[in-house]
C-alpha atoms as a PDB file:
ATOM      1  CA  THR A   1       0.000   0.000   0.000  1.00  0.00           C
ATOM      2  CA  LEU A   2       2.809   2.423   0.808  1.00  0.00           C
ATOM      3  CA  PHE A   3       4.520   1.490  -2.405  1.00  0.00           C
ATOM      4  CA  ARG A   4       1.289   1.596  -4.405  1.00  0.00           C
ATOM      5  CA  SER A   5       0.667   5.094  -3.117  1.00  0.00           C
ATOM      6  CA  ALA A   6       4.200   6.117  -4.059  1.00  0.00           C
ATOM      7  CA  ILE A   7       3.730   4.633  -7.544  1.00  0.00           C
ATOM      8  CA  ASN A   8       0.382   6.408  -7.935  1.00  0.00           C
ATOM      9  CA  LEU A   9       2.024   9.684  -6.936  1.00  0.00           C
ATOM     10  CA  SER A  10       4.881   9.289  -9.338  1.00  0.00           C
ATOM     11  CA  TYR A  11       2.738   8.204 -12.285  1.00  0.00           C
ATOM     12  CA  GLY A  12      -0.375  10.180 -11.467  1.00  0.00           C
ATOM     13  CA  GLY A  13       1.426  13.446 -11.772  1.00  0.00           C
ATOM     14  CA  GLY A  14      -0.819  15.083  -9.220  1.00  0.00           C
ATOM     15  CA  GLY A  15       0.024  16.096  -5.681  1.00  0.00           C
ATOM     16  CA  ALA A  16      -0.717  13.725  -2.870  1.00  0.00           C
ATOM     17  CA  SER A  17      -3.553  14.525  -0.550  1.00  0.00           C
ATOM     18  CA  ALA A  18      -2.776  15.095   3.102  1.00  0.00           C
ATOM     19  CA  GLU A  19      -4.679  11.900   3.859  1.00  0.00           C
ATOM     20  CA  THR A  20      -2.505   9.870   1.474  1.00  0.00           C
ATOM     21  CA  VAL A  21       0.707  11.382   2.835  1.00  0.00           C
ATOM     22  CA  ASN A  22      -0.435  10.716   6.401  1.00  0.00           C
ATOM     23  CA  ALA A  23      -1.330   7.109   5.547  1.00  0.00           C
ATOM     24  CA  MET A  24       2.061   6.648   3.887  1.00  0.00           C
ATOM     25  CA  ARG A  25       3.812   8.118   6.931  1.00  0.00           C
ATOM     26  CA  GLN A  26       1.902   5.817   9.297  1.00  0.00           C
ATOM     27  CA  GLU A  27       2.672   2.796   7.197  1.00  0.00           C
ATOM     28  CA  LEU A  28       6.334   3.771   7.049  1.00  0.00           C
ATOM     29  CA  GLU A  29       6.447   4.218  10.842  1.00  0.00           C
ATOM     30  CA  HIS A  30       4.784   0.837  11.303  1.00  0.00           C
ATOM     31  CA  THR A  31       7.290  -0.792   8.947  1.00  0.00           C
ATOM     32  CA  GLU A  32      10.182   0.871  10.797  1.00  0.00           C
ATOM     33  CA  LYS A  33       8.849  -0.478  14.103  1.00  0.00           C
ATOM     34  CA  GLU A  34       8.606  -3.958  12.615  1.00  0.00           C
ATOM     35  CA  LEU A  35      12.165  -3.689  11.304  1.00  0.00           C
ATOM     36  CA  LYS A  36      13.418  -2.491  14.696  1.00  0.00           C
ATOM     37  CA  PHE A  37      11.671  -5.419  16.391  1.00  0.00           C
ATOM     38  CA  ALA A  38      13.066  -7.867  13.818  1.00  0.00           C
ATOM     39  CA  ARG A  39      16.589  -6.487  14.329  1.00  0.00           C
ATOM     40  CA  SER A  40      16.155  -6.845  18.081  1.00  0.00           C
ATOM     41  CA  GLU A  41      15.033 -10.462  17.632  1.00  0.00           C
ATOM     42  CA  ILE A  42      18.006 -11.142  15.352  1.00  0.00           C
ATOM     43  CA  ASP A  43      20.384  -9.648  17.933  1.00  0.00           C
ATOM     44  CA  THR A  44      18.795 -11.737  20.681  1.00  0.00           C
ATOM     45  CA  TRP A  45      19.193 -14.922  18.638  1.00  0.00           C
ATOM     46  CA  ARG A  46      22.785 -14.030  17.773  1.00  0.00           C
ATOM     47  CA  GLU A  47      23.532 -13.634  21.484  1.00  0.00           C
ATOM     48  CA  LYS A  48      21.837 -16.965  22.236  1.00  0.00           C
ATOM     49  CA  CYS A  49      23.781 -18.687  19.469  1.00  0.00           C
ATOM     50  CA  SER A  50      27.022 -17.152  20.667  1.00  0.00           C
ATOM     51  CA  ALA A  51      26.345 -18.313  24.229  1.00  0.00           C
ATOM     52  CA  LEU A  52      25.472 -21.773  22.938  1.00  0.00           C
ATOM     53  CA  ASP A  53      28.676 -21.876  20.870  1.00  0.00           C
ATOM     54  CA  LYS A  54      30.700 -20.934  23.959  1.00  0.00           C
ATOM     55  CA  SER A  55      28.900 -23.601  25.978  1.00  0.00           C
ATOM     56  CA  VAL A  56      29.598 -26.254  23.353  1.00  0.00           C
ATOM     57  CA  ILE A  57      33.263 -25.225  23.200  1.00  0.00           C
ATOM     58  CA  ALA A  58      33.514 -25.407  27.001  1.00  0.00           C
ATOM     59  CA  GLN A  59      31.885 -28.853  26.990  1.00  0.00           C
ATOM     60  CA  ASP A  60      34.271 -30.033  24.273  1.00  0.00           C
ATOM     61  CA  GLU A  61      37.238 -28.790  26.320  1.00  0.00           C
ATOM     62  CA  GLU A  62      35.892 -30.480  29.443  1.00  0.00           C
ATOM     63  CA  LYS A  63      35.335 -33.703  27.502  1.00  0.00           C
ATOM     64  CA  ALA A  64      38.897 -33.567  26.140  1.00  0.00           C
ATOM     65  CA  ALA A  65      40.281 -33.032  29.660  1.00  0.00           C
ATOM     66  CA  LEU A  66      38.254 -35.974  30.973  1.00  0.00           C
ATOM     67  CA  ARG A  67      39.441 -38.141  28.093  1.00  0.00           C
ATOM     68  CA  GLU A  68      43.067 -37.249  28.900  1.00  0.00           C
ATOM     69  CA  SER A  69      42.504 -38.022  32.558  1.00  0.00           C
ATOM     70  CA  PHE A  70      40.869 -41.365  31.781  1.00  0.00           C
ATOM     71  CA  GLU A  71      43.597 -42.282  29.316  1.00  0.00           C
ATOM     72  CA  ALA A  72      46.230 -41.486  31.958  1.00  0.00           C
ATOM     73  CA  LYS A  73      44.370 -43.611  34.527  1.00  0.00           C
ATOM     74  CA  ILE A  74      43.997 -46.449  32.019  1.00  0.00           C
ATOM     75  CA  GLY A  75      47.717 -46.206  31.292  1.00  0.00           C
ATOM     76  CA  LYS A  76      48.542 -46.448  34.998  1.00  0.00           C
ATOM     77  CA  LEU A  77      46.149 -49.361  35.436  1.00  0.00           C
ATOM     78  CA  SER A  78      47.709 -51.118  32.447  1.00  0.00           C
ATOM     79  CA  VAL A  79      51.152 -50.745  34.011  1.00  0.00           C
ATOM     80  CA  SER A  80      49.812 -51.990  37.355  1.00  0.00           C
ATOM     81  CA  LEU A  81      48.140 -54.932  35.640  1.00  0.00           C
ATOM     82  CA  ALA A  82      51.329 -55.790  33.754  1.00  0.00           C
ATOM     83  CA  GLU A  83      53.286 -55.644  37.029  1.00  0.00           C
ATOM     84  CA  ALA A  84      50.690 -57.811  38.778  1.00  0.00           C
ATOM     85  CA  LEU A  85      50.779 -60.355  35.954  1.00  0.00           C
ATOM     86  CA  GLU A  86      54.572 -60.430  36.125  1.00  0.00           C
ATOM     87  CA  GLN A  87      54.458 -60.950  39.888  1.00  0.00           C
ATOM     88  CA  ASN A  88      51.852 -63.684  39.443  1.00  0.00           C
ATOM     89  CA  SER A  89      54.039 -65.339  36.828  1.00  0.00           C
ATOM     90  CA  GLN A  90      57.024 -65.180  39.183  1.00  0.00           C
ATOM     91  CA  TYR A  91      54.870 -66.568  42.007  1.00  0.00           C
ATOM     92  CA  GLU A  92      53.709 -69.464  39.832  1.00  0.00           C
ATOM     93  CA  ALA A  93      57.319 -70.166  38.834  1.00  0.00           C
ATOM     94  CA  LEU A  94      58.354 -70.152  42.500  1.00  0.00           C
ATOM     95  CA  LYS A  95      55.487 -72.510  43.341  1.00  0.00           C
ATOM     96  CA  ARG A  96      56.610 -74.915  40.611  1.00  0.00           C
ATOM     97  CA  ALA A  97      60.220 -74.690  41.768  1.00  0.00           C
ATOM     98  CA  ASN A  98      59.127 -75.255  45.372  1.00  0.00           C
ATOM     99  CA  ALA A  99      57.025 -78.241  44.340  1.00  0.00           C
ATOM    100  CA  ALA A 100      59.981 -79.666  42.413  1.00  0.00           C
ATOM    101  CA  LEU A 101      62.278 -79.159  45.399  1.00  0.00           C
ATOM    102  CA  GLN A 102      59.714 -80.689  47.746  1.00  0.00           C
ATOM    103  CA  SER A 103      59.377 -83.659  45.414  1.00  0.00           C
ATOM    104  CA  GLU A 104      63.160 -84.044  45.332  1.00  0.00           C
ATOM    105  CA  LEU A 105      63.339 -83.839  49.118  1.00  0.00           C
ATOM    106  CA  ASP A 106      60.562 -86.390  49.450  1.00  0.00           C
ATOM    107  CA  THR A 107      62.431 -88.685  47.057  1.00  0.00           C
ATOM    108  CA  GLN A 108      65.679 -88.282  49.025  1.00  0.00           C
ATOM    109  CA  ASP A 109      63.918 -88.977  52.313  1.00  0.00           C
ATOM    110  CA  ARG A 110      62.698 -92.333  51.066  1.00  0.00           C
END
């Protein structure tokens, strides 16, 4: 309507009535208010997106730190497990050696 009125003015050649000018002004003011509101909404969503981006980045950093911590703990547990297995292997070897010695002693005693 604002644009139709502007086109009518430019092609009609005649002057615009006060009523037409007032209607155009009101429509323009209304459009400006809508634009201002839309810009405000856009700014609000940009802020929300920015905050969300920062939150996601923080979560990614926290997840990476936890992963490092868990990997370090798993590494320590792997070393502990390897040491325990080695000790168990040595214990089993000692048991076999002890059994062999005991068998030899038993044989000698007879």
